[in-house]
Amino acid sequence: MEQRVTIIGLGVKDLKAASDFYENKFGWKKMKSSNNDIVFFQLNGLLLSLYPSDKLAEDAHVSAEGEGFKKFTLAYNTKTKHEVDELFNALEGRGVKVVKKPEEVFWGGYSGYVADLDDNLWEIAFNPFLPLDDCGNTIEE
């Protein structure tokens, strides 16, 4: 198996509201291939899809029940510490739920967390050990 990810799929309670969140709070543009059943966002090298959680559970043959911490986070890394603060200020101004304000963290970086409408956690971080290229992809020096 090749070492890659093609799509990160998030199960959402309300597809229209979730799509609106990512479009109007994060400022992302949905792909033309989106429709009334699924929404796609082109990220840097992979896709984020939004799909109704009950239908996603049905497709995977698992229970749709589940509460609390989902045991994963999504991360958006920035090139500077200042960029983290700017992004938090902008998102908070748009009404995005701040779970943890940015702070210096034990691993040597600077990060905080926001949540989408389905409480999927997004870490927004500056990691001095993971430099980014012009497209926001991590590069190994």
C-alpha atoms as a PDB file:
ATOM      1  CA  MET A   1       0.000   0.000   0.000  1.00  0.00           C
ATOM      2  CA  GLU A   2       1.363   3.415  -0.929  1.00  0.00           C
ATOM      3  CA  GLN A   3       1.944   5.913   1.877  1.00  0.00           C
ATOM      4  CA  ARG A   4      -0.790   8.463   1.134  1.00  0.00           C
ATOM      5  CA  VAL A   5      -4.254   9.749   1.976  1.00  0.00           C
ATOM      6  CA  THR A   6      -6.707  10.682  -0.785  1.00  0.00           C
ATOM      7  CA  ILE A   7      -9.820  11.814   1.112  1.00  0.00           C
ATOM      8  CA  ILE A   8     -10.583  12.647   4.718  1.00  0.00           C
ATOM      9  CA  GLY A   9     -14.306  12.016   5.151  1.00  0.00           C
ATOM     10  CA  LEU A  10     -16.240  13.609   7.989  1.00  0.00           C
ATOM     11  CA  GLY A  11     -19.673  12.387   8.980  1.00  0.00           C
ATOM     12  CA  VAL A  12     -21.878  15.390   9.737  1.00  0.00           C
ATOM     13  CA  LYS A  13     -25.325  15.772  11.304  1.00  0.00           C
ATOM     14  CA  ASP A  14     -26.531  18.452   8.883  1.00  0.00           C
ATOM     15  CA  LEU A  15     -24.815  18.521   5.479  1.00  0.00           C
ATOM     16  CA  LYS A  16     -26.100  21.970   4.493  1.00  0.00           C
ATOM     17  CA  ALA A  17     -25.043  23.558   7.798  1.00  0.00           C
ATOM     18  CA  ALA A  18     -21.645  21.820   7.746  1.00  0.00           C
ATOM     19  CA  SER A  19     -21.016  22.938   4.169  1.00  0.00           C
ATOM     20  CA  ASP A  20     -21.979  26.491   5.123  1.00  0.00           C
ATOM     21  CA  PHE A  21     -19.561  26.347   8.094  1.00  0.00           C
ATOM     22  CA  TYR A  22     -16.566  25.376   5.956  1.00  0.00           C
ATOM     23  CA  GLU A  23     -17.497  27.842   3.214  1.00  0.00           C
ATOM     24  CA  ASN A  24     -18.344  30.849   5.378  1.00  0.00           C
ATOM     25  CA  LYS A  25     -16.328  30.359   8.552  1.00  0.00           C
ATOM     26  CA  PHE A  26     -13.137  28.831   7.132  1.00  0.00           C
ATOM     27  CA  GLY A  27     -13.610  30.599   3.786  1.00  0.00           C
ATOM     28  CA  TRP A  28     -13.130  27.445   1.688  1.00  0.00           C
ATOM     29  CA  LYS A  29     -14.621  26.852  -1.754  1.00  0.00           C
ATOM     30  CA  LYS A  30     -16.497  23.614  -2.394  1.00  0.00           C
ATOM     31  CA  MET A  31     -15.723  21.626  -5.520  1.00  0.00           C
ATOM     32  CA  LYS A  32     -18.063  21.470  -8.512  1.00  0.00           C
ATOM     33  CA  SER A  33     -18.377  17.707  -7.941  1.00  0.00           C
ATOM     34  CA  SER A  34     -20.286  18.432  -4.704  1.00  0.00           C
ATOM     35  CA  ASN A  35     -24.013  17.741  -4.726  1.00  0.00           C
ATOM     36  CA  ASN A  36     -26.994  17.462  -2.356  1.00  0.00           C
ATOM     37  CA  ASP A  37     -25.618  14.188  -0.924  1.00  0.00           C
ATOM     38  CA  ILE A  38     -21.891  14.938  -0.433  1.00  0.00           C
ATOM     39  CA  VAL A  39     -19.636  17.990  -0.356  1.00  0.00           C
ATOM     40  CA  PHE A  40     -15.964  18.065  -1.370  1.00  0.00           C
ATOM     41  CA  PHE A  41     -13.246  20.621  -0.628  1.00  0.00           C
ATOM     42  CA  GLN A  42      -9.909  20.448  -2.462  1.00  0.00           C
ATOM     43  CA  LEU A  43      -7.103  20.821   0.052  1.00  0.00           C
ATOM     44  CA  ASN A  44      -3.383  20.747  -0.619  1.00  0.00           C
ATOM     45  CA  GLY A  45      -2.993  17.324  -2.204  1.00  0.00           C
ATOM     46  CA  LEU A  46      -6.101  15.669  -0.749  1.00  0.00           C
ATOM     47  CA  LEU A  47      -9.826  16.151  -0.380  1.00  0.00           C
ATOM     48  CA  LEU A  48     -12.056  16.774   2.602  1.00  0.00           C
ATOM     49  CA  SER A  49     -15.533  15.327   2.162  1.00  0.00           C
ATOM     50  CA  LEU A  50     -18.647  15.984   4.223  1.00  0.00           C
ATOM     51  CA  TYR A  51     -21.310  13.283   4.238  1.00  0.00           C
ATOM     52  CA  PRO A  52     -24.334  12.699   6.495  1.00  0.00           C
ATOM     53  CA  SER A  53     -23.096  10.699   9.491  1.00  0.00           C
ATOM     54  CA  ASP A  54     -26.039   8.285   9.523  1.00  0.00           C
ATOM     55  CA  LYS A  55     -25.459   7.414   5.860  1.00  0.00           C
ATOM     56  CA  LEU A  56     -21.707   7.104   6.414  1.00  0.00           C
ATOM     57  CA  ALA A  57     -22.276   4.679   9.307  1.00  0.00           C
ATOM     58  CA  GLU A  58     -24.736   2.701   7.185  1.00  0.00           C
ATOM     59  CA  ASP A  59     -22.218   2.502   4.328  1.00  0.00           C
ATOM     60  CA  ALA A  60     -19.516   1.221   6.705  1.00  0.00           C
ATOM     61  CA  HIS A  61     -21.933  -1.199   8.445  1.00  0.00           C
ATOM     62  CA  VAL A  62     -21.347   0.347  11.888  1.00  0.00           C
ATOM     63  CA  SER A  63     -23.581   1.974  14.491  1.00  0.00           C
ATOM     64  CA  ALA A  64     -24.277   5.674  13.994  1.00  0.00           C
ATOM     65  CA  GLU A  65     -24.280   6.229  17.767  1.00  0.00           C
ATOM     66  CA  GLY A  66     -21.261   7.828  19.373  1.00  0.00           C
ATOM     67  CA  GLU A  67     -20.545  10.748  21.657  1.00  0.00           C
ATOM     68  CA  GLY A  68     -17.598  12.551  23.177  1.00  0.00           C
ATOM     69  CA  PHE A  69     -14.018  12.732  21.989  1.00  0.00           C
ATOM     70  CA  LYS A  70     -13.616  11.178  18.556  1.00  0.00           C
ATOM     71  CA  LYS A  71      -9.985  10.164  19.181  1.00  0.00           C
ATOM     72  CA  PHE A  72      -8.588  12.117  16.253  1.00  0.00           C
ATOM     73  CA  THR A  73      -7.929  15.693  15.256  1.00  0.00           C
ATOM     74  CA  LEU A  74      -7.302  17.484  11.998  1.00  0.00           C
ATOM     75  CA  ALA A  75      -4.405  19.914  11.835  1.00  0.00           C
ATOM     76  CA  TYR A  76      -3.817  23.140   9.952  1.00  0.00           C
ATOM     77  CA  ASN A  77      -0.197  24.233  10.266  1.00  0.00           C
ATOM     78  CA  THR A  78       1.019  27.773   9.714  1.00  0.00           C
ATOM     79  CA  LYS A  79       4.416  29.203   8.825  1.00  0.00           C
ATOM     80  CA  THR A  80       4.621  31.472  11.889  1.00  0.00           C
ATOM     81  CA  LYS A  81       3.327  31.814  15.433  1.00  0.00           C
ATOM     82  CA  HIS A  82       1.828  35.177  14.496  1.00  0.00           C
ATOM     83  CA  GLU A  83      -0.199  33.498  11.733  1.00  0.00           C
ATOM     84  CA  VAL A  84      -1.789  31.195  14.344  1.00  0.00           C
ATOM     85  CA  ASP A  85      -2.969  34.213  16.356  1.00  0.00           C
ATOM     86  CA  GLU A  86      -4.258  35.998  13.246  1.00  0.00           C
ATOM     87  CA  LEU A  87      -6.214  32.927  12.166  1.00  0.00           C
ATOM     88  CA  PHE A  88      -7.741  32.445  15.631  1.00  0.00           C
ATOM     89  CA  ASN A  89      -8.807  36.093  15.753  1.00  0.00           C
ATOM     90  CA  ALA A  90     -10.441  35.811  12.320  1.00  0.00           C
ATOM     91  CA  LEU A  91     -12.218  32.516  13.109  1.00  0.00           C
ATOM     92  CA  GLU A  92     -13.402  33.695  16.516  1.00  0.00           C
ATOM     93  CA  GLY A  93     -14.744  36.840  14.835  1.00  0.00           C
ATOM     94  CA  ARG A  94     -16.794  34.601  12.517  1.00  0.00           C
ATOM     95  CA  GLY A  95     -18.303  32.748  15.464  1.00  0.00           C
ATOM     96  CA  VAL A  96     -16.189  29.598  15.273  1.00  0.00           C
ATOM     97  CA  LYS A  97     -16.099  27.676  18.565  1.00  0.00           C
ATOM     98  CA  VAL A  98     -12.672  28.032  20.203  1.00  0.00           C
ATOM     99  CA  VAL A  99     -11.894  24.939  22.268  1.00  0.00           C
ATOM    100  CA  LYS A 100      -8.395  25.973  23.382  1.00  0.00           C
ATOM    101  CA  LYS A 101      -6.785  29.344  22.726  1.00  0.00           C
ATOM    102  CA  PRO A 102      -3.272  29.220  21.223  1.00  0.00           C
ATOM    103  CA  GLU A 103      -0.426  28.695  23.654  1.00  0.00           C
ATOM    104  CA  GLU A 104       3.144  27.437  23.821  1.00  0.00           C
ATOM    105  CA  VAL A 105       2.914  23.633  23.982  1.00  0.00           C
ATOM    106  CA  PHE A 106       5.074  20.900  25.500  1.00  0.00           C
ATOM    107  CA  TRP A 107       6.462  19.680  22.174  1.00  0.00           C
ATOM    108  CA  GLY A 108       7.998  23.061  21.347  1.00  0.00           C
ATOM    109  CA  GLY A 109       5.333  24.562  19.119  1.00  0.00           C
ATOM    110  CA  TYR A 110       2.429  26.944  19.473  1.00  0.00           C
ATOM    111  CA  SER A 111      -1.141  25.777  18.972  1.00  0.00           C
ATOM    112  CA  GLY A 112      -4.811  25.886  19.866  1.00  0.00           C
ATOM    113  CA  TYR A 113      -8.021  24.129  18.843  1.00  0.00           C
ATOM    114  CA  VAL A 114     -11.318  25.088  17.204  1.00  0.00           C
ATOM    115  CA  ALA A 115     -14.316  22.865  16.509  1.00  0.00           C
ATOM    116  CA  ASP A 116     -16.686  22.621  13.581  1.00  0.00           C
ATOM    117  CA  LEU A 117     -20.449  22.181  14.006  1.00  0.00           C
ATOM    118  CA  ASP A 118     -20.023  18.432  14.658  1.00  0.00           C
ATOM    119  CA  ASP A 119     -17.261  19.019  17.225  1.00  0.00           C
ATOM    120  CA  ASN A 120     -14.515  17.755  14.927  1.00  0.00           C
ATOM    121  CA  LEU A 121     -11.373  19.281  16.399  1.00  0.00           C
ATOM    122  CA  TRP A 122      -9.048  21.336  14.220  1.00  0.00           C
ATOM    123  CA  GLU A 123      -5.637  22.076  15.691  1.00  0.00           C
ATOM    124  CA  ILE A 124      -4.170  25.284  14.324  1.00  0.00           C
ATOM    125  CA  ALA A 125      -0.460  25.186  14.970  1.00  0.00           C
ATOM    126  CA  PHE A 126       2.976  26.536  14.268  1.00  0.00           C
ATOM    127  CA  ASN A 127       5.480  23.688  14.431  1.00  0.00           C
ATOM    128  CA  PRO A 128       9.089  24.906  14.184  1.00  0.00           C
ATOM    129  CA  PHE A 129      10.186  21.329  13.397  1.00  0.00           C
ATOM    130  CA  LEU A 130       7.951  20.944  10.310  1.00  0.00           C
ATOM    131  CA  PRO A 131       8.734  23.615   7.728  1.00  0.00           C
ATOM    132  CA  LEU A 132       6.130  24.288   5.038  1.00  0.00           C
ATOM    133  CA  ASP A 133       6.562  24.976   1.335  1.00  0.00           C
ATOM    134  CA  ASP A 134       4.697  27.740  -0.515  1.00  0.00           C
ATOM    135  CA  CYS A 135       1.637  25.466  -0.893  1.00  0.00           C
ATOM    136  CA  GLY A 136       1.465  24.654   2.828  1.00  0.00           C
ATOM    137  CA  ASN A 137       2.860  21.128   2.456  1.00  0.00           C
ATOM    138  CA  THR A 138       5.381  19.898   4.987  1.00  0.00           C
ATOM    139  CA  ILE A 139       8.907  19.504   3.712  1.00  0.00           C
ATOM    140  CA  GLU A 140      11.721  17.455   5.115  1.00  0.00           C
ATOM    141  CA  GLU A 141      14.981  19.359   5.347  1.00  0.00           C
END
